[in-house]
Amino acid sequence: LTVTVMRNAGFEAFDNIAGGETAGIPFA
């Protein structure tokens, strides 16, 4: 998931990772 996002969006594209309650929290 990490490399998919970096490949598609960029390696310096984000400042914060947010998880959606509740299932997204551990994966975030």
PDB file of all heavy atoms in Angstrom:
ATOM      1  N   LEU A   1       0.830  -1.200   0.000  1.00  0.00           N
ATOM      2  CA  LEU A   1       0.000   0.000   0.000  1.00  0.00           C
ATOM      3  C   LEU A   1       0.871   1.259   0.000  1.00  0.00           C
ATOM      4  O   LEU A   1       0.585   2.233  -0.712  1.00  0.00           O
ATOM      5  CB  LEU A   1      -0.924  -0.004   1.215  1.00  0.00           C
ATOM      6  CG  LEU A   1      -2.101   0.971   1.173  1.00  0.00           C
ATOM      7  CD1 LEU A   1      -3.012   0.683  -0.018  1.00  0.00           C
ATOM      8  CD2 LEU A   1      -2.902   0.918   2.465  1.00  0.00           C
ATOM      9  N   THR A   2       1.954   1.212   0.773  1.00  0.00           N
ATOM     10  CA  THR A   2       2.854   2.361   0.841  1.00  0.00           C
ATOM     11  C   THR A   2       3.488   2.656  -0.509  1.00  0.00           C
ATOM     12  O   THR A   2       3.477   3.801  -0.983  1.00  0.00           O
ATOM     13  CB  THR A   2       3.952   2.123   1.895  1.00  0.00           C
ATOM     14  OG1 THR A   2       3.337   1.912   3.178  1.00  0.00           O
ATOM     15  CG2 THR A   2       4.899   3.309   1.977  1.00  0.00           C
ATOM     16  N   VAL A   3       4.016   1.628  -1.158  1.00  0.00           N
ATOM     17  CA  VAL A   3       4.692   1.876  -2.434  1.00  0.00           C
ATOM     18  C   VAL A   3       3.691   2.210  -3.538  1.00  0.00           C
ATOM     19  O   VAL A   3       4.015   2.973  -4.452  1.00  0.00           O
ATOM     20  CB  VAL A   3       5.582   0.682  -2.849  1.00  0.00           C
ATOM     21  CG1 VAL A   3       6.690   0.457  -1.844  1.00  0.00           C
ATOM     22  CG2 VAL A   3       4.782  -0.584  -3.056  1.00  0.00           C
ATOM     23  N   THR A   4       2.486   1.680  -3.461  1.00  0.00           N
ATOM     24  CA  THR A   4       1.457   2.023  -4.444  1.00  0.00           C
ATOM     25  C   THR A   4       1.124   3.512  -4.362  1.00  0.00           C
ATOM     26  O   THR A   4       1.047   4.205  -5.387  1.00  0.00           O
ATOM     27  CB  THR A   4       0.192   1.180  -4.226  1.00  0.00           C
ATOM     28  OG1 THR A   4       0.494  -0.198  -4.478  1.00  0.00           O
ATOM     29  CG2 THR A   4      -0.937   1.620  -5.157  1.00  0.00           C
ATOM     30  N   VAL A   5       0.940   3.998  -3.152  1.00  0.00           N
ATOM     31  CA  VAL A   5       0.630   5.422  -2.972  1.00  0.00           C
ATOM     32  C   VAL A   5       1.796   6.289  -3.427  1.00  0.00           C
ATOM     33  O   VAL A   5       1.612   7.292  -4.150  1.00  0.00           O
ATOM     34  CB  VAL A   5       0.285   5.706  -1.496  1.00  0.00           C
ATOM     35  CG1 VAL A   5       0.270   7.214  -1.238  1.00  0.00           C
ATOM     36  CG2 VAL A   5      -1.057   5.094  -1.144  1.00  0.00           C
ATOM     37  N   MET A   6       3.022   5.926  -3.040  1.00  0.00           N
ATOM     38  CA  MET A   6       4.178   6.740  -3.422  1.00  0.00           C
ATOM     39  C   MET A   6       4.393   6.708  -4.928  1.00  0.00           C
ATOM     40  O   MET A   6       4.731   7.725  -5.531  1.00  0.00           O
ATOM     41  CB  MET A   6       5.419   6.267  -2.678  1.00  0.00           C
ATOM     42  CG  MET A   6       5.379   6.554  -1.184  1.00  0.00           C
ATOM     43  SD  MET A   6       6.972   6.327  -0.348  1.00  0.00           S
ATOM     44  CE  MET A   6       7.315   4.613  -0.719  1.00  0.00           C
ATOM     45  N   ARG A   7       4.182   5.565  -5.547  1.00  0.00           N
ATOM     46  CA  ARG A   7       4.346   5.462  -6.991  1.00  0.00           C
ATOM     47  C   ARG A   7       3.313   6.313  -7.726  1.00  0.00           C
ATOM     48  O   ARG A   7       3.619   6.981  -8.716  1.00  0.00           O
ATOM     49  CB  ARG A   7       4.199   3.989  -7.416  1.00  0.00           C
ATOM     50  CG  ARG A   7       4.322   3.761  -8.922  1.00  0.00           C
ATOM     51  CD  ARG A   7       4.107   2.288  -9.250  1.00  0.00           C
ATOM     52  NE  ARG A   7       2.765   1.869  -8.885  1.00  0.00           N
ATOM     53  CZ  ARG A   7       2.411   0.599  -8.720  1.00  0.00           C
ATOM     54  NH1 ARG A   7       3.314  -0.364  -8.841  1.00  0.00           N
ATOM     55  NH2 ARG A   7       1.179   0.288  -8.396  1.00  0.00           N
ATOM     56  N   ASN A   8       2.073   6.313  -7.227  1.00  0.00           N
ATOM     57  CA  ASN A   8       0.998   7.017  -7.917  1.00  0.00           C
ATOM     58  C   ASN A   8       0.920   8.508  -7.576  1.00  0.00           C
ATOM     59  O   ASN A   8       0.560   9.324  -8.426  1.00  0.00           O
ATOM     60  CB  ASN A   8      -0.346   6.373  -7.579  1.00  0.00           C
ATOM     61  CG  ASN A   8      -0.460   4.957  -8.122  1.00  0.00           C
ATOM     62  OD1 ASN A   8       0.317   4.550  -8.976  1.00  0.00           O
ATOM     63  ND2 ASN A   8      -1.428   4.203  -7.615  1.00  0.00           N
ATOM     64  N   ALA A   9       1.214   8.849  -6.315  1.00  0.00           N
ATOM     65  CA  ALA A   9       1.011  10.225  -5.863  1.00  0.00           C
ATOM     66  C   ALA A   9       2.301  11.009  -5.685  1.00  0.00           C
ATOM     67  O   ALA A   9       2.290  12.236  -5.752  1.00  0.00           O
ATOM     68  CB  ALA A   9       0.228  10.227  -4.550  1.00  0.00           C
ATOM     69  N   GLY A  10       3.413  10.293  -5.440  1.00  0.00           N
ATOM     70  CA  GLY A  10       4.681  10.980  -5.222  1.00  0.00           C
ATOM     71  C   GLY A  10       5.316  10.572  -3.904  1.00  0.00           C
ATOM     72  O   GLY A  10       4.622  10.169  -2.971  1.00  0.00           O
ATOM     73  N   PHE A  11       6.618  10.694  -3.836  1.00  0.00           N
ATOM     74  CA  PHE A  11       7.352  10.255  -2.650  1.00  0.00           C
ATOM     75  C   PHE A  11       7.344  11.300  -1.538  1.00  0.00           C
ATOM     76  O   PHE A  11       7.616  10.989  -0.384  1.00  0.00           O
ATOM     77  CB  PHE A  11       8.791   9.901  -3.038  1.00  0.00           C
ATOM     78  CG  PHE A  11       8.888   8.611  -3.798  1.00  0.00           C
ATOM     79  CD1 PHE A  11       8.555   8.563  -5.140  1.00  0.00           C
ATOM     80  CD2 PHE A  11       9.287   7.443  -3.173  1.00  0.00           C
ATOM     81  CE1 PHE A  11       8.627   7.376  -5.856  1.00  0.00           C
ATOM     82  CE2 PHE A  11       9.357   6.245  -3.868  1.00  0.00           C
ATOM     83  CZ  PHE A  11       9.033   6.208  -5.218  1.00  0.00           C
ATOM     84  N   GLU A  12       7.030  12.550  -1.883  1.00  0.00           N
ATOM     85  CA  GLU A  12       6.961  13.624  -0.888  1.00  0.00           C
ATOM     86  C   GLU A  12       5.605  14.324  -0.978  1.00  0.00           C
ATOM     87  O   GLU A  12       5.508  15.538  -0.852  1.00  0.00           O
ATOM     88  CB  GLU A  12       8.106  14.628  -1.103  1.00  0.00           C
ATOM     89  CG  GLU A  12       9.495  14.052  -0.946  1.00  0.00           C
ATOM     90  CD  GLU A  12       9.820  13.662   0.497  1.00  0.00           C
ATOM     91  OE1 GLU A  12       9.116  14.149   1.422  1.00  0.00           O
ATOM     92  OE2 GLU A  12      10.762  12.881   0.708  1.00  0.00           O
ATOM     93  N   ALA A  13       4.567  13.538  -1.174  1.00  0.00           N
ATOM     94  CA  ALA A  13       3.247  14.111  -1.449  1.00  0.00           C
ATOM     95  C   ALA A  13       2.415  14.384  -0.203  1.00  0.00           C
ATOM     96  O   ALA A  13       1.380  15.055  -0.288  1.00  0.00           O
ATOM     97  CB  ALA A  13       2.464  13.183  -2.383  1.00  0.00           C
ATOM     98  N   PHE A  14       2.847  13.868   0.966  1.00  0.00           N
ATOM     99  CA  PHE A  14       1.987  13.942   2.151  1.00  0.00           C
ATOM    100  C   PHE A  14       2.749  14.409   3.381  1.00  0.00           C
ATOM    101  O   PHE A  14       3.962  14.218   3.495  1.00  0.00           O
ATOM    102  CB  PHE A  14       1.346  12.575   2.417  1.00  0.00           C
ATOM    103  CG  PHE A  14       0.562  12.050   1.249  1.00  0.00           C
ATOM    104  CD1 PHE A  14       1.066  11.033   0.455  1.00  0.00           C
ATOM    105  CD2 PHE A  14      -0.662  12.604   0.921  1.00  0.00           C
ATOM    106  CE1 PHE A  14       0.366  10.567  -0.642  1.00  0.00           C
ATOM    107  CE2 PHE A  14      -1.376  12.151  -0.177  1.00  0.00           C
ATOM    108  CZ  PHE A  14      -0.861  11.128  -0.963  1.00  0.00           C
ATOM    109  N   ASP A  15       1.977  15.002   4.308  1.00  0.00           N
ATOM    110  CA  ASP A  15       2.524  15.455   5.588  1.00  0.00           C
ATOM    111  C   ASP A  15       1.893  14.720   6.765  1.00  0.00           C
ATOM    112  O   ASP A  15       2.389  14.800   7.889  1.00  0.00           O
ATOM    113  CB  ASP A  15       2.256  16.954   5.775  1.00  0.00           C
ATOM    114  CG  ASP A  15       2.744  17.782   4.593  1.00  0.00           C
ATOM    115  OD1 ASP A  15       3.953  17.740   4.308  1.00  0.00           O
ATOM    116  OD2 ASP A  15       1.906  18.454   3.957  1.00  0.00           O
ATOM    117  N   ASN A  16       0.786  14.029   6.526  1.00  0.00           N
ATOM    118  CA  ASN A  16       0.039  13.405   7.611  1.00  0.00           C
ATOM    119  C   ASN A  16      -0.750  12.232   7.039  1.00  0.00           C
ATOM    120  O   ASN A  16      -1.282  12.323   5.932  1.00  0.00           O
ATOM    121  CB  ASN A  16      -0.917  14.437   8.235  1.00  0.00           C
ATOM    122  CG  ASN A  16      -1.494  14.020   9.570  1.00  0.00           C
ATOM    123  OD1 ASN A  16      -1.928  12.885   9.741  1.00  0.00           O
ATOM    124  ND2 ASN A  16      -1.506  14.948  10.513  1.00  0.00           N
ATOM    125  N   ILE A  17      -0.824  11.145   7.809  1.00  0.00           N
ATOM    126  CA  ILE A  17      -1.605   9.971   7.407  1.00  0.00           C
ATOM    127  C   ILE A  17      -2.775   9.839   8.367  1.00  0.00           C
ATOM    128  O   ILE A  17      -2.584   9.721   9.582  1.00  0.00           O
ATOM    129  CB  ILE A  17      -0.756   8.683   7.450  1.00  0.00           C
ATOM    130  CG1 ILE A  17       0.544   8.857   6.665  1.00  0.00           C
ATOM    131  CG2 ILE A  17      -1.580   7.512   6.909  1.00  0.00           C
ATOM    132  CD1 ILE A  17       0.381   9.159   5.206  1.00  0.00           C
ATOM    133  N   ALA A  18      -4.007   9.855   7.831  1.00  0.00           N
ATOM    134  CA  ALA A  18      -5.204   9.774   8.673  1.00  0.00           C
ATOM    135  C   ALA A  18      -5.950   8.475   8.425  1.00  0.00           C
ATOM    136  O   ALA A  18      -6.131   8.059   7.275  1.00  0.00           O
ATOM    137  CB  ALA A  18      -6.131  10.956   8.394  1.00  0.00           C
ATOM    138  N   GLY A  19      -6.382   7.826   9.493  1.00  0.00           N
ATOM    139  CA  GLY A  19      -7.195   6.626   9.385  1.00  0.00           C
ATOM    140  C   GLY A  19      -8.646   6.941   9.659  1.00  0.00           C
ATOM    141  O   GLY A  19      -8.968   7.785  10.494  1.00  0.00           O
ATOM    142  N   GLY A  20      -9.536   6.277   8.951  1.00  0.00           N
ATOM    143  CA  GLY A  20     -10.966   6.441   9.198  1.00  0.00           C
ATOM    144  C   GLY A  20     -11.422   5.493  10.287  1.00  0.00           C
ATOM    145  O   GLY A  20     -11.056   4.316  10.286  1.00  0.00           O
ATOM    146  N   GLU A  21     -12.226   5.992  11.222  1.00  0.00           N
ATOM    147  CA  GLU A  21     -12.772   5.164  12.305  1.00  0.00           C
ATOM    148  C   GLU A  21     -13.690   4.080  11.729  1.00  0.00           C
ATOM    149  O   GLU A  21     -14.547   4.375  10.893  1.00  0.00           O
ATOM    150  CB  GLU A  21     -13.560   6.057  13.264  1.00  0.00           C
ATOM    151  CG  GLU A  21     -14.154   5.320  14.443  1.00  0.00           C
ATOM    152  CD  GLU A  21     -15.149   6.163  15.237  1.00  0.00           C
ATOM    153  OE1 GLU A  21     -15.583   7.215  14.725  1.00  0.00           O
ATOM    154  OE2 GLU A  21     -15.495   5.750  16.351  1.00  0.00           O
ATOM    155  N   THR A  22     -13.561   2.819  12.169  1.00  0.00           N
ATOM    156  CA  THR A  22     -12.508   2.282  13.017  1.00  0.00           C
ATOM    157  C   THR A  22     -11.501   1.441  12.229  1.00  0.00           C
ATOM    158  O   THR A  22     -10.341   1.342  12.601  1.00  0.00           O
ATOM    159  CB  THR A  22     -13.111   1.392  14.115  1.00  0.00           C
ATOM    160  OG1 THR A  22     -13.869   0.335  13.509  1.00  0.00           O
ATOM    161  CG2 THR A  22     -13.965   2.167  15.060  1.00  0.00           C
ATOM    162  N   ALA A  23     -11.967   0.837  11.147  1.00  0.00           N
ATOM    163  CA  ALA A  23     -11.130  -0.139  10.448  1.00  0.00           C
ATOM    164  C   ALA A  23      -9.871   0.460   9.856  1.00  0.00           C
ATOM    165  O   ALA A  23      -8.853  -0.212   9.712  1.00  0.00           O
ATOM    166  CB  ALA A  23     -11.936  -0.843   9.354  1.00  0.00           C
ATOM    167  N   GLY A  24      -9.906   1.758   9.513  1.00  0.00           N
ATOM    168  CA  GLY A  24      -8.752   2.372   8.890  1.00  0.00           C
ATOM    169  C   GLY A  24      -7.643   2.740   9.853  1.00  0.00           C
ATOM    170  O   GLY A  24      -6.507   2.994   9.422  1.00  0.00           O
ATOM    171  N   ILE A  25      -7.937   2.762  11.154  1.00  0.00           N
ATOM    172  CA  ILE A  25      -6.963   3.260  12.120  1.00  0.00           C
ATOM    173  C   ILE A  25      -5.677   2.435  12.159  1.00  0.00           C
ATOM    174  O   ILE A  25      -4.578   2.997  12.051  1.00  0.00           O
ATOM    175  CB  ILE A  25      -7.601   3.388  13.517  1.00  0.00           C
ATOM    176  CG1 ILE A  25      -8.680   4.475  13.495  1.00  0.00           C
ATOM    177  CG2 ILE A  25      -6.551   3.696  14.577  1.00  0.00           C
ATOM    178  CD1 ILE A  25      -9.484   4.585  14.784  1.00  0.00           C
ATOM    179  N   PRO A  26      -5.741   1.107  12.316  1.00  0.00           N
ATOM    180  CA  PRO A  26      -4.471   0.365  12.360  1.00  0.00           C
ATOM    181  C   PRO A  26      -3.681   0.455  11.068  1.00  0.00           C
ATOM    182  O   PRO A  26      -2.452   0.577  11.096  1.00  0.00           O
ATOM    183  CB  PRO A  26      -4.896  -1.076  12.662  1.00  0.00           C
ATOM    184  CG  PRO A  26      -6.330  -1.157  12.253  1.00  0.00           C
ATOM    185  CD  PRO A  26      -6.890   0.201  12.516  1.00  0.00           C
ATOM    186  N   PHE A  27      -4.366   0.440   9.939  1.00  0.00           N
ATOM    187  CA  PHE A  27      -3.653   0.480   8.660  1.00  0.00           C
ATOM    188  C   PHE A  27      -2.999   1.852   8.443  1.00  0.00           C
ATOM    189  O   PHE A  27      -1.899   1.941   7.887  1.00  0.00           O
ATOM    190  CB  PHE A  27      -4.603   0.125   7.520  1.00  0.00           C
ATOM    191  CG  PHE A  27      -5.205  -1.240   7.666  1.00  0.00           C
ATOM    192  CD1 PHE A  27      -6.572  -1.422   7.746  1.00  0.00           C
ATOM    193  CD2 PHE A  27      -4.390  -2.358   7.765  1.00  0.00           C
ATOM    194  CE1 PHE A  27      -7.122  -2.680   7.910  1.00  0.00           C
ATOM    195  CE2 PHE A  27      -4.933  -3.635   7.921  1.00  0.00           C
ATOM    196  CZ  PHE A  27      -6.304  -3.785   8.000  1.00  0.00           C
ATOM    197  N   ALA A  28      -3.658   2.913   8.885  1.00  0.00           N
ATOM    198  CA  ALA A  28      -3.045   4.239   8.811  1.00  0.00           C
ATOM    199  C   ALA A  28      -1.782   4.294   9.658  1.00  0.00           C
ATOM    200  O   ALA A  28      -0.775   4.892   9.266  1.00  0.00           O
ATOM    201  CB  ALA A  28      -4.039   5.308   9.270  1.00  0.00           C
TER     202      ALA A  28
END
